[in-house]
N, C-alpha and C. Protein backbone atom coordinates (compact mmCIF):
# COMPACT_ATOMS: atom_id res chain seq x y z
N MET A 1 -156.95 -101.21 -47.36
CA MET A 1 -157.48 -100.11 -46.61
C MET A 1 -157.73 -100.56 -45.17
N LYS A 2 -157.33 -99.71 -44.22
CA LYS A 2 -157.48 -100.05 -42.81
C LYS A 2 -158.89 -99.70 -42.35
N THR A 3 -159.38 -100.50 -41.47
CA THR A 3 -160.70 -100.24 -40.90
C THR A 3 -160.52 -99.36 -39.67
N PRO A 4 -161.61 -98.70 -39.23
CA PRO A 4 -161.51 -97.87 -38.02
C PRO A 4 -161.05 -98.67 -36.80
N THR A 5 -161.41 -99.93 -36.71
CA THR A 5 -160.99 -100.77 -35.57
C THR A 5 -159.48 -101.00 -35.60
N THR A 6 -158.93 -101.22 -36.77
CA THR A 6 -157.49 -101.43 -36.91
C THR A 6 -156.74 -100.16 -36.54
N ARG A 7 -157.24 -99.01 -36.97
CA ARG A 7 -156.60 -97.73 -36.63
C ARG A 7 -156.60 -97.52 -35.12
N ARG A 8 -157.73 -97.80 -34.50
CA ARG A 8 -157.84 -97.65 -33.05
C ARG A 8 -156.84 -98.55 -32.33
N ARG A 9 -156.69 -99.76 -32.82
CA ARG A 9 -155.74 -100.70 -32.21
C ARG A 9 -154.31 -100.20 -32.35
N VAL A 10 -153.99 -99.67 -33.52
CA VAL A 10 -152.64 -99.12 -33.75
C VAL A 10 -152.41 -97.93 -32.84
N VAL A 11 -153.38 -97.05 -32.73
CA VAL A 11 -153.25 -95.87 -31.85
C VAL A 11 -153.08 -96.32 -30.40
N TRP A 12 -153.87 -97.29 -29.96
CA TRP A 12 -153.76 -97.80 -28.60
C TRP A 12 -152.40 -98.45 -28.36
N ALA A 13 -151.94 -99.21 -29.30
CA ALA A 13 -150.63 -99.87 -29.17
C ALA A 13 -149.52 -98.84 -29.09
N LEU A 14 -149.55 -97.82 -29.95
CA LEU A 14 -148.54 -96.76 -29.90
C LEU A 14 -148.63 -95.98 -28.60
N SER A 15 -149.84 -95.72 -28.15
CA SER A 15 -150.02 -95.00 -26.88
C SER A 15 -149.46 -95.80 -25.71
N LEU A 16 -149.74 -97.09 -25.69
CA LEU A 16 -149.22 -97.92 -24.61
C LEU A 16 -147.70 -98.01 -24.63
N CYS A 17 -147.13 -98.09 -25.82
CA CYS A 17 -145.66 -98.12 -25.93
C CYS A 17 -145.07 -96.81 -25.44
N THR A 18 -145.68 -95.71 -25.83
CA THR A 18 -145.19 -94.39 -25.41
C THR A 18 -145.31 -94.24 -23.89
N ILE A 19 -146.42 -94.64 -23.34
CA ILE A 19 -146.61 -94.56 -21.88
C ILE A 19 -145.61 -95.45 -21.16
N ALA A 20 -145.39 -96.65 -21.64
CA ALA A 20 -144.43 -97.57 -21.01
C ALA A 20 -143.02 -97.00 -21.05
N THR A 21 -142.64 -96.41 -22.18
CA THR A 21 -141.32 -95.80 -22.31
C THR A 21 -141.17 -94.63 -21.35
N CYS A 22 -142.17 -93.77 -21.30
CA CYS A 22 -142.12 -92.63 -20.38
C CYS A 22 -142.04 -93.07 -18.92
N MET A 23 -142.77 -94.11 -18.59
CA MET A 23 -142.73 -94.61 -17.22
C MET A 23 -141.36 -95.20 -16.89
N ALA A 24 -140.75 -95.90 -17.83
CA ALA A 24 -139.43 -96.49 -17.58
C ALA A 24 -138.38 -95.41 -17.39
N VAL A 25 -138.38 -94.43 -18.28
CA VAL A 25 -137.40 -93.33 -18.19
C VAL A 25 -137.68 -92.50 -16.94
N GLY A 26 -138.93 -92.18 -16.71
CA GLY A 26 -139.30 -91.40 -15.53
C GLY A 26 -138.98 -92.13 -14.24
N GLY A 27 -139.22 -93.43 -14.22
CA GLY A 27 -138.91 -94.22 -13.03
C GLY A 27 -137.43 -94.23 -12.72
N ALA A 28 -136.61 -94.38 -13.76
CA ALA A 28 -135.16 -94.37 -13.56
C ALA A 28 -134.69 -92.99 -13.06
N LEU A 29 -135.25 -91.94 -13.63
CA LEU A 29 -134.89 -90.59 -13.21
C LEU A 29 -135.32 -90.34 -11.77
N LEU A 30 -136.54 -90.73 -11.43
CA LEU A 30 -137.00 -90.56 -10.05
C LEU A 30 -136.15 -91.35 -9.07
N PHE A 31 -135.72 -92.54 -9.46
CA PHE A 31 -134.85 -93.33 -8.59
C PHE A 31 -133.53 -92.59 -8.35
N GLU A 32 -132.91 -92.08 -9.42
CA GLU A 32 -131.65 -91.35 -9.26
C GLU A 32 -131.85 -90.12 -8.39
N LEU A 33 -132.93 -89.39 -8.60
CA LEU A 33 -133.18 -88.19 -7.80
C LEU A 33 -133.41 -88.55 -6.33
N SER A 34 -134.06 -89.67 -6.05
CA SER A 34 -134.26 -90.06 -4.66
C SER A 34 -132.94 -90.48 -4.02
N VAL A 35 -132.08 -91.17 -4.77
CA VAL A 35 -130.76 -91.54 -4.25
C VAL A 35 -129.97 -90.27 -3.92
N ILE A 36 -130.04 -89.28 -4.79
CA ILE A 36 -129.33 -88.02 -4.56
C ILE A 36 -129.85 -87.33 -3.31
N GLY A 37 -131.16 -87.24 -3.18
CA GLY A 37 -131.75 -86.58 -2.01
C GLY A 37 -131.35 -87.26 -0.71
N TYR A 38 -131.44 -88.59 -0.68
CA TYR A 38 -131.06 -89.33 0.52
C TYR A 38 -129.56 -89.22 0.80
N ALA A 39 -128.75 -89.24 -0.25
CA ALA A 39 -127.29 -89.16 -0.05
C ALA A 39 -126.89 -87.81 0.53
N VAL A 40 -127.50 -86.73 0.05
CA VAL A 40 -127.20 -85.40 0.60
C VAL A 40 -127.58 -85.37 2.08
N ARG A 41 -128.77 -85.83 2.38
CA ARG A 41 -129.24 -85.83 3.77
C ARG A 41 -128.34 -86.68 4.66
N ASP A 42 -128.03 -87.89 4.21
CA ASP A 42 -127.20 -88.80 5.01
C ASP A 42 -125.79 -88.26 5.21
N PHE A 43 -125.21 -87.70 4.16
CA PHE A 43 -123.85 -87.16 4.26
C PHE A 43 -123.82 -86.00 5.25
N ARG A 44 -124.79 -85.11 5.15
CA ARG A 44 -124.83 -83.96 6.08
C ARG A 44 -125.05 -84.44 7.51
N ARG A 45 -125.89 -85.44 7.71
CA ARG A 45 -126.13 -85.98 9.05
C ARG A 45 -124.85 -86.58 9.61
N ASP A 46 -124.17 -87.40 8.82
CA ASP A 46 -122.94 -88.03 9.29
C ASP A 46 -121.86 -87.00 9.59
N GLU A 47 -121.79 -85.98 8.75
CA GLU A 47 -120.82 -84.90 8.98
C GLU A 47 -121.15 -84.14 10.26
N ALA A 48 -122.43 -83.86 10.50
CA ALA A 48 -122.84 -83.14 11.71
C ALA A 48 -122.56 -83.97 12.97
N ILE A 49 -122.79 -85.26 12.90
CA ILE A 49 -122.50 -86.13 14.04
C ILE A 49 -121.01 -86.12 14.36
N ALA A 50 -120.18 -86.18 13.32
CA ALA A 50 -118.73 -86.16 13.53
C ALA A 50 -118.29 -84.81 14.12
N GLN A 51 -118.84 -83.72 13.62
CA GLN A 51 -118.50 -82.39 14.13
C GLN A 51 -118.96 -82.22 15.58
N ALA A 52 -120.15 -82.75 15.88
CA ALA A 52 -120.66 -82.66 17.26
C ALA A 52 -119.76 -83.43 18.22
N GLY A 53 -119.27 -84.58 17.79
CA GLY A 53 -118.35 -85.36 18.62
C GLY A 53 -117.08 -84.59 18.91
N ILE A 54 -116.56 -83.93 17.91
CA ILE A 54 -115.35 -83.12 18.09
C ILE A 54 -115.64 -81.95 19.02
N ALA A 55 -116.80 -81.31 18.83
CA ALA A 55 -117.16 -80.16 19.67
C ALA A 55 -117.35 -80.57 21.14
N ARG A 56 -117.83 -81.79 21.38
CA ARG A 56 -118.00 -82.27 22.76
C ARG A 56 -116.67 -82.67 23.39
N GLY A 57 -115.62 -82.68 22.59
CA GLY A 57 -114.32 -83.03 23.12
C GLY A 57 -114.02 -84.51 23.11
N GLU A 58 -114.79 -85.27 22.35
CA GLU A 58 -114.51 -86.70 22.25
C GLU A 58 -113.13 -86.89 21.64
N PRO A 59 -112.36 -87.83 22.17
CA PRO A 59 -111.01 -88.01 21.67
C PRO A 59 -111.02 -88.47 20.20
N ALA A 60 -110.21 -87.80 19.43
CA ALA A 60 -110.06 -88.17 18.02
C ALA A 60 -108.60 -87.95 17.64
N THR A 61 -108.06 -88.89 16.94
CA THR A 61 -106.68 -88.75 16.50
C THR A 61 -106.62 -87.72 15.37
N LEU A 62 -105.42 -87.30 15.07
CA LEU A 62 -105.23 -86.37 13.97
C LEU A 62 -105.72 -86.99 12.66
N GLU A 63 -105.46 -88.29 12.49
CA GLU A 63 -105.91 -89.01 11.30
C GLU A 63 -107.43 -88.98 11.19
N GLU A 64 -108.14 -89.18 12.31
CA GLU A 64 -109.61 -89.17 12.30
C GLU A 64 -110.16 -87.78 12.01
N ARG A 65 -109.42 -86.77 12.39
CA ARG A 65 -109.88 -85.40 12.09
C ARG A 65 -109.64 -85.04 10.63
N LEU A 66 -108.52 -85.49 10.08
CA LEU A 66 -108.22 -85.20 8.68
C LEU A 66 -108.97 -86.11 7.72
N ASN A 67 -109.21 -87.34 8.15
CA ASN A 67 -109.88 -88.33 7.31
C ASN A 67 -110.98 -89.00 8.14
N PRO A 68 -112.10 -88.28 8.34
CA PRO A 68 -113.15 -88.81 9.22
C PRO A 68 -113.65 -90.18 8.75
N PRO A 69 -113.97 -91.05 9.70
CA PRO A 69 -114.43 -92.40 9.34
C PRO A 69 -115.69 -92.41 8.45
N TYR A 70 -116.57 -91.41 8.61
CA TYR A 70 -117.78 -91.42 7.79
C TYR A 70 -117.49 -91.25 6.30
N LEU A 71 -116.36 -90.63 5.95
CA LEU A 71 -116.01 -90.49 4.53
C LEU A 71 -115.80 -91.86 3.88
N LYS A 72 -115.30 -92.80 4.65
CA LYS A 72 -115.06 -94.15 4.12
C LYS A 72 -116.37 -94.83 3.75
N GLN A 73 -117.46 -94.49 4.45
CA GLN A 73 -118.77 -95.06 4.12
C GLN A 73 -119.22 -94.65 2.72
N TYR A 74 -118.74 -93.51 2.29
CA TYR A 74 -119.12 -92.99 0.97
C TYR A 74 -118.06 -93.27 -0.09
N GLY A 75 -117.02 -93.99 0.28
CA GLY A 75 -115.96 -94.30 -0.68
C GLY A 75 -115.02 -93.15 -0.92
N LEU A 76 -114.96 -92.21 0.03
CA LEU A 76 -114.12 -91.02 -0.12
C LEU A 76 -112.95 -91.01 0.86
N ASP A 77 -112.37 -92.16 1.09
CA ASP A 77 -111.22 -92.26 1.99
C ASP A 77 -110.10 -91.40 1.40
N ARG A 78 -109.71 -90.38 2.14
CA ARG A 78 -108.68 -89.45 1.64
C ARG A 78 -107.35 -90.15 1.35
N ASN A 79 -107.09 -91.25 2.05
CA ASN A 79 -105.83 -91.96 1.82
C ASN A 79 -105.79 -92.61 0.44
N LEU A 80 -106.92 -92.88 -0.14
CA LEU A 80 -106.97 -93.52 -1.46
C LEU A 80 -106.78 -92.53 -2.61
N TYR A 81 -107.04 -91.26 -2.34
CA TYR A 81 -107.07 -90.27 -3.43
C TYR A 81 -106.17 -89.07 -3.17
N THR A 82 -104.98 -89.31 -2.62
CA THR A 82 -104.08 -88.18 -2.39
C THR A 82 -103.11 -88.03 -3.56
N ASP A 83 -102.79 -86.79 -3.86
CA ASP A 83 -101.83 -86.53 -4.92
C ASP A 83 -100.43 -86.47 -4.34
N SER A 84 -99.47 -86.08 -5.15
CA SER A 84 -98.06 -86.06 -4.70
C SER A 84 -97.81 -85.03 -3.60
N HIS A 85 -98.72 -84.07 -3.45
CA HIS A 85 -98.58 -83.05 -2.41
C HIS A 85 -99.37 -83.39 -1.16
N GLY A 86 -100.04 -84.54 -1.15
CA GLY A 86 -100.82 -84.95 0.01
C GLY A 86 -102.24 -84.40 0.03
N ASN A 87 -102.66 -83.77 -1.04
CA ASN A 87 -104.01 -83.21 -1.11
C ASN A 87 -105.00 -84.26 -1.61
N PHE A 88 -106.25 -84.13 -1.18
CA PHE A 88 -107.33 -85.00 -1.66
C PHE A 88 -107.60 -84.62 -3.10
N SER A 89 -107.27 -85.53 -4.03
CA SER A 89 -107.35 -85.19 -5.44
C SER A 89 -107.70 -86.39 -6.30
N PRO A 90 -108.97 -86.85 -6.26
CA PRO A 90 -109.36 -87.94 -7.15
C PRO A 90 -109.33 -87.48 -8.60
N THR A 91 -109.24 -88.41 -9.51
CA THR A 91 -109.12 -88.10 -10.94
C THR A 91 -110.39 -88.51 -11.69
N GLY A 92 -110.39 -88.24 -12.97
CA GLY A 92 -111.51 -88.63 -13.82
C GLY A 92 -111.72 -90.13 -13.81
N ALA A 93 -110.63 -90.89 -13.75
CA ALA A 93 -110.74 -92.35 -13.70
C ALA A 93 -111.42 -92.78 -12.40
N ASP A 94 -111.11 -92.10 -11.30
CA ASP A 94 -111.75 -92.41 -10.02
C ASP A 94 -113.24 -92.09 -10.09
N TRP A 95 -113.57 -90.94 -10.65
CA TRP A 95 -114.96 -90.49 -10.74
C TRP A 95 -115.81 -91.52 -11.50
N ARG A 96 -115.29 -92.03 -12.58
CA ARG A 96 -116.05 -93.00 -13.38
C ARG A 96 -116.36 -94.27 -12.61
N GLN A 97 -115.52 -94.63 -11.66
CA GLN A 97 -115.71 -95.85 -10.88
C GLN A 97 -116.65 -95.65 -9.70
N TRP A 98 -116.89 -94.41 -9.31
CA TRP A 98 -117.71 -94.14 -8.15
C TRP A 98 -119.18 -94.40 -8.41
N ALA A 99 -119.88 -94.84 -7.36
CA ALA A 99 -121.34 -94.98 -7.41
C ALA A 99 -121.96 -93.59 -7.27
N LEU A 100 -123.24 -93.50 -7.59
CA LEU A 100 -123.95 -92.22 -7.53
C LEU A 100 -123.87 -91.61 -6.14
N ARG A 101 -124.01 -92.44 -5.11
CA ARG A 101 -123.96 -91.94 -3.73
C ARG A 101 -122.60 -91.30 -3.42
N THR A 102 -121.53 -91.88 -3.90
CA THR A 102 -120.19 -91.33 -3.69
C THR A 102 -120.04 -90.01 -4.44
N LYS A 103 -120.55 -89.94 -5.65
CA LYS A 103 -120.48 -88.70 -6.42
C LYS A 103 -121.24 -87.57 -5.72
N VAL A 104 -122.40 -87.89 -5.17
CA VAL A 104 -123.18 -86.89 -4.44
C VAL A 104 -122.40 -86.39 -3.24
N ALA A 105 -121.84 -87.31 -2.46
CA ALA A 105 -121.07 -86.92 -1.27
C ALA A 105 -119.88 -86.05 -1.66
N ALA A 106 -119.21 -86.38 -2.76
CA ALA A 106 -118.07 -85.57 -3.21
C ALA A 106 -118.52 -84.16 -3.59
N ILE A 107 -119.63 -84.06 -4.31
CA ILE A 107 -120.14 -82.74 -4.71
C ILE A 107 -120.48 -81.92 -3.46
N VAL A 108 -121.16 -82.52 -2.49
CA VAL A 108 -121.53 -81.80 -1.26
C VAL A 108 -120.27 -81.40 -0.50
N MET A 109 -119.30 -82.30 -0.43
CA MET A 109 -118.06 -82.01 0.28
C MET A 109 -117.32 -80.85 -0.39
N TRP A 110 -117.22 -80.88 -1.73
CA TRP A 110 -116.52 -79.81 -2.43
C TRP A 110 -117.29 -78.50 -2.38
N LEU A 111 -118.61 -78.58 -2.38
CA LEU A 111 -119.42 -77.38 -2.33
C LEU A 111 -119.29 -76.69 -0.98
N GLY A 112 -119.21 -77.50 0.08
CA GLY A 112 -119.02 -76.94 1.42
C GLY A 112 -120.31 -76.61 2.13
N HIS A 113 -121.45 -76.77 1.48
CA HIS A 113 -122.75 -76.55 2.11
C HIS A 113 -123.78 -77.35 1.32
N ASP A 114 -125.01 -77.35 1.82
CA ASP A 114 -126.06 -78.10 1.13
C ASP A 114 -126.26 -77.53 -0.27
N PRO A 115 -126.41 -78.40 -1.26
CA PRO A 115 -126.66 -77.91 -2.61
C PRO A 115 -128.04 -77.26 -2.70
N PRO A 116 -128.24 -76.39 -3.69
CA PRO A 116 -129.53 -75.70 -3.83
C PRO A 116 -130.72 -76.62 -4.04
N GLY A 117 -130.50 -77.81 -4.48
CA GLY A 117 -131.61 -78.73 -4.68
C GLY A 117 -131.16 -80.03 -5.31
N THR A 118 -132.06 -80.99 -5.32
CA THR A 118 -131.74 -82.31 -5.86
C THR A 118 -131.50 -82.23 -7.36
N TRP A 119 -132.36 -81.50 -8.06
CA TRP A 119 -132.21 -81.38 -9.51
C TRP A 119 -130.89 -80.70 -9.85
N TRP A 120 -130.50 -79.68 -9.08
CA TRP A 120 -129.23 -78.97 -9.30
C TRP A 120 -128.07 -79.94 -9.11
N THR A 121 -128.12 -80.75 -8.06
CA THR A 121 -127.06 -81.72 -7.80
C THR A 121 -126.97 -82.73 -8.94
N PHE A 122 -128.11 -83.19 -9.41
CA PHE A 122 -128.17 -84.12 -10.55
C PHE A 122 -127.49 -83.49 -11.77
N ALA A 123 -127.79 -82.22 -12.02
CA ALA A 123 -127.19 -81.52 -13.17
C ALA A 123 -125.67 -81.39 -13.01
N GLN A 124 -125.20 -81.15 -11.79
CA GLN A 124 -123.76 -81.03 -11.56
C GLN A 124 -123.06 -82.37 -11.80
N ILE A 125 -123.68 -83.44 -11.34
CA ILE A 125 -123.10 -84.77 -11.54
C ILE A 125 -123.05 -85.09 -13.02
N LYS A 126 -124.10 -84.78 -13.75
CA LYS A 126 -124.10 -85.03 -15.20
C LYS A 126 -123.05 -84.17 -15.90
N CYS A 127 -122.83 -82.96 -15.43
CA CYS A 127 -121.79 -82.10 -15.99
C CYS A 127 -120.42 -82.75 -15.80
N VAL A 128 -120.14 -83.22 -14.58
CA VAL A 128 -118.85 -83.85 -14.31
C VAL A 128 -118.75 -85.19 -15.03
N ASP A 129 -119.88 -85.89 -15.18
CA ASP A 129 -119.87 -87.18 -15.89
C ASP A 129 -119.39 -87.02 -17.33
N ARG A 130 -119.60 -85.87 -17.92
CA ARG A 130 -119.13 -85.64 -19.30
C ARG A 130 -117.62 -85.40 -19.35
N PHE A 131 -117.01 -85.21 -18.20
CA PHE A 131 -115.58 -84.90 -18.11
C PHE A 131 -114.66 -85.91 -18.77
N PRO A 132 -114.77 -87.21 -18.53
CA PRO A 132 -113.78 -88.17 -19.06
C PRO A 132 -113.67 -88.16 -20.58
N GLN A 133 -114.73 -87.81 -21.28
CA GLN A 133 -114.66 -87.79 -22.74
C GLN A 133 -113.79 -86.63 -23.25
N ALA A 134 -113.64 -85.61 -22.43
CA ALA A 134 -112.94 -84.42 -22.90
C ALA A 134 -111.56 -84.22 -22.28
N HIS A 135 -111.24 -84.94 -21.20
CA HIS A 135 -109.97 -84.72 -20.50
C HIS A 135 -109.29 -86.04 -20.19
N ALA A 136 -108.04 -85.94 -19.84
CA ALA A 136 -107.26 -87.13 -19.48
C ALA A 136 -107.72 -87.68 -18.14
N ASP A 137 -107.56 -88.97 -17.95
CA ASP A 137 -107.95 -89.62 -16.70
C ASP A 137 -107.16 -89.10 -15.50
N SER A 138 -106.00 -88.52 -15.74
CA SER A 138 -105.17 -88.06 -14.64
C SER A 138 -105.55 -86.65 -14.18
N GLU A 139 -106.46 -85.99 -14.87
CA GLU A 139 -106.91 -84.64 -14.50
C GLU A 139 -107.63 -84.69 -13.15
N PRO A 140 -107.26 -83.81 -12.21
CA PRO A 140 -107.99 -83.79 -10.93
C PRO A 140 -109.46 -83.46 -11.16
N ILE A 141 -110.33 -84.29 -10.66
CA ILE A 141 -111.76 -84.13 -10.90
C ILE A 141 -112.31 -82.91 -10.17
N VAL A 142 -111.66 -82.48 -9.10
CA VAL A 142 -112.14 -81.30 -8.38
C VAL A 142 -112.06 -80.06 -9.26
N ASP A 143 -111.10 -79.99 -10.18
CA ASP A 143 -111.03 -78.86 -11.10
C ASP A 143 -112.25 -78.82 -12.01
N VAL A 144 -112.66 -79.99 -12.49
CA VAL A 144 -113.85 -80.07 -13.33
C VAL A 144 -115.10 -79.75 -12.52
N ALA A 145 -115.15 -80.26 -11.28
CA ALA A 145 -116.29 -79.98 -10.42
C ALA A 145 -116.40 -78.48 -10.16
N ASP A 146 -115.25 -77.82 -9.94
CA ASP A 146 -115.26 -76.37 -9.76
C ASP A 146 -115.85 -75.67 -10.98
N ALA A 147 -115.47 -76.12 -12.15
CA ALA A 147 -115.99 -75.51 -13.38
C ALA A 147 -117.50 -75.74 -13.49
N CYS A 148 -117.94 -76.94 -13.14
CA CYS A 148 -119.37 -77.24 -13.20
C CYS A 148 -120.14 -76.48 -12.13
N LEU A 149 -119.57 -76.38 -10.94
CA LEU A 149 -120.24 -75.68 -9.85
C LEU A 149 -120.24 -74.17 -10.08
N GLY A 150 -119.26 -73.71 -10.86
CA GLY A 150 -119.20 -72.29 -11.15
C GLY A 150 -118.55 -71.47 -10.07
N THR A 151 -118.00 -72.11 -9.04
CA THR A 151 -117.36 -71.38 -7.98
C THR A 151 -116.08 -72.07 -7.56
N PRO A 152 -115.01 -71.31 -7.36
CA PRO A 152 -113.78 -71.95 -6.87
C PRO A 152 -113.92 -72.29 -5.38
N HIS A 153 -113.20 -73.30 -4.95
CA HIS A 153 -113.26 -73.73 -3.54
C HIS A 153 -111.96 -73.42 -2.86
């Protein structure tokens, strides 16, 4: 038979384990959400700076206009992900290799405007993350992103 002190110790131990688990999971989620928030902000800032340079008439080659240098900072160099028609078309295999920051930049780029929120962006990334289990690696990831975003681009 357990004594009241033993029960209290078991309850405290279970409570501490539960709290530690919640903190670990919550901490990881908060970290991902902060990376997403900063990536959206940074990508939009870099895009605005590039657009402002073009608007001021700063010289830019055709290559720099089609494949802006800031995209390379996010791992989205258009030259690396072109299909047979010359379109920017990364695949499921490419998506799996990308870091979270690159995935966020791709979602913002495909969306064409700021996402409705950090949690929404997180949900879209998780939706696309489920893609490789259901489709071939050669499938253009933008098609899956369109399905997850719910809007054609």
